[in-house]
Amino acid sequence: ESGSEDIDILPNGLAFISSGLKYPGLHSFAPDKPGEIFLMDLNEDNPRAVELRISRGFDLASFNPHGISTYVD
């Protein structure tokens, strides 16, 4: 809906996508909507992005993701 800002793909084919960046001077298609993180399994025949639920207690109203990285241990 508001586009993705960044994507990080793990070796197993899972992709994490950040969305909802709000930046001064950059048009926002959903200015009142908080940022989101999506998960997409690229191994599926018809992959689709699924919004991940963010833990309670997190300040979701000010979540403004710019980029995304993963760490595999």
Protein backbone atom coordinates (compact mmCIF):
# COMPACT_ATOMS: atom_id res chain seq x y z
CA GLU A 1 0.00 0.00 0.00
CA SER A 2 2.73 2.49 0.91
CA GLY A 3 5.63 0.62 -0.65
CA SER A 4 8.65 -1.09 0.83
CA GLU A 5 11.78 0.69 2.00
CA ASP A 6 14.19 -2.23 2.23
CA ILE A 7 14.38 -6.02 2.00
CA ASP A 8 16.75 -8.61 3.47
CA ILE A 9 16.64 -12.18 2.17
CA LEU A 10 17.94 -15.04 4.30
CA PRO A 11 19.75 -18.03 2.75
CA ASN A 12 16.64 -20.19 3.40
CA GLY A 13 14.46 -17.98 1.17
CA LEU A 14 12.65 -15.97 3.86
CA ALA A 15 12.51 -12.27 3.07
CA PHE A 16 11.97 -9.52 5.64
CA ILE A 17 10.58 -6.28 4.24
CA SER A 18 10.40 -2.90 5.97
CA SER A 19 7.67 -0.48 4.97
CA GLY A 20 6.30 2.88 6.01
CA LEU A 21 9.29 5.20 5.90
CA LYS A 22 8.33 8.81 6.50
CA TYR A 23 10.99 11.33 5.61
CA PRO A 24 10.77 15.14 5.32
CA GLY A 25 10.23 16.11 1.70
CA LEU A 26 9.29 12.55 0.67
CA HIS A 27 5.62 12.02 -0.26
CA SER A 28 3.89 9.52 2.02
CA PHE A 29 0.91 7.55 0.69
CA ALA A 30 -0.19 6.70 4.25
CA PRO A 31 1.04 9.51 6.54
CA ASP A 32 -1.01 8.39 9.56
CA LYS A 33 -0.12 4.69 9.30
CA PRO A 34 2.80 3.38 11.42
CA GLY A 35 5.67 1.47 9.86
CA GLU A 36 5.45 -2.27 9.35
CA ILE A 37 7.63 -5.35 8.87
CA PHE A 38 6.50 -8.05 6.45
CA LEU A 39 7.68 -11.62 5.90
CA MET A 40 7.64 -13.35 2.52
CA ASP A 41 8.59 -16.98 1.88
CA LEU A 42 10.20 -16.98 -1.56
CA ASN A 43 10.09 -20.80 -1.64
CA GLU A 44 6.31 -20.76 -2.09
CA ASP A 45 4.76 -21.06 -5.56
CA ASN A 46 2.86 -17.80 -5.04
CA PRO A 47 4.74 -15.86 -2.36
CA ARG A 48 2.84 -13.11 -0.56
CA ALA A 49 3.90 -10.61 2.04
CA VAL A 50 2.43 -11.22 5.51
CA GLU A 51 2.55 -8.46 8.12
CA LEU A 52 4.43 -9.50 11.25
CA ARG A 53 2.85 -8.68 14.59
CA ILE A 54 5.05 -6.43 16.70
CA SER A 55 5.26 -7.16 20.43
CA ARG A 56 3.16 -5.23 22.91
CA GLY A 57 4.95 -2.43 24.67
CA PHE A 58 6.67 -1.31 21.47
CA ASP A 59 5.95 2.32 20.49
CA LEU A 60 4.28 1.43 17.21
CA ALA A 61 2.92 4.96 16.65
CA SER A 62 6.44 6.28 16.11
CA PHE A 63 7.79 3.23 14.23
CA ASN A 64 9.46 4.62 11.11
CA PRO A 65 11.68 1.85 9.68
CA HIS A 66 14.56 2.93 7.47
CA GLY A 67 16.30 -0.19 6.28
CA ILE A 68 16.39 -3.69 7.71
CA SER A 69 19.13 -6.18 8.54
CA THR A 70 19.11 -9.71 9.86
CA TYR A 71 21.65 -11.66 11.88
CA VAL A 72 21.91 -15.42 11.49
CA ASP A 73 23.60 -17.28 14.32
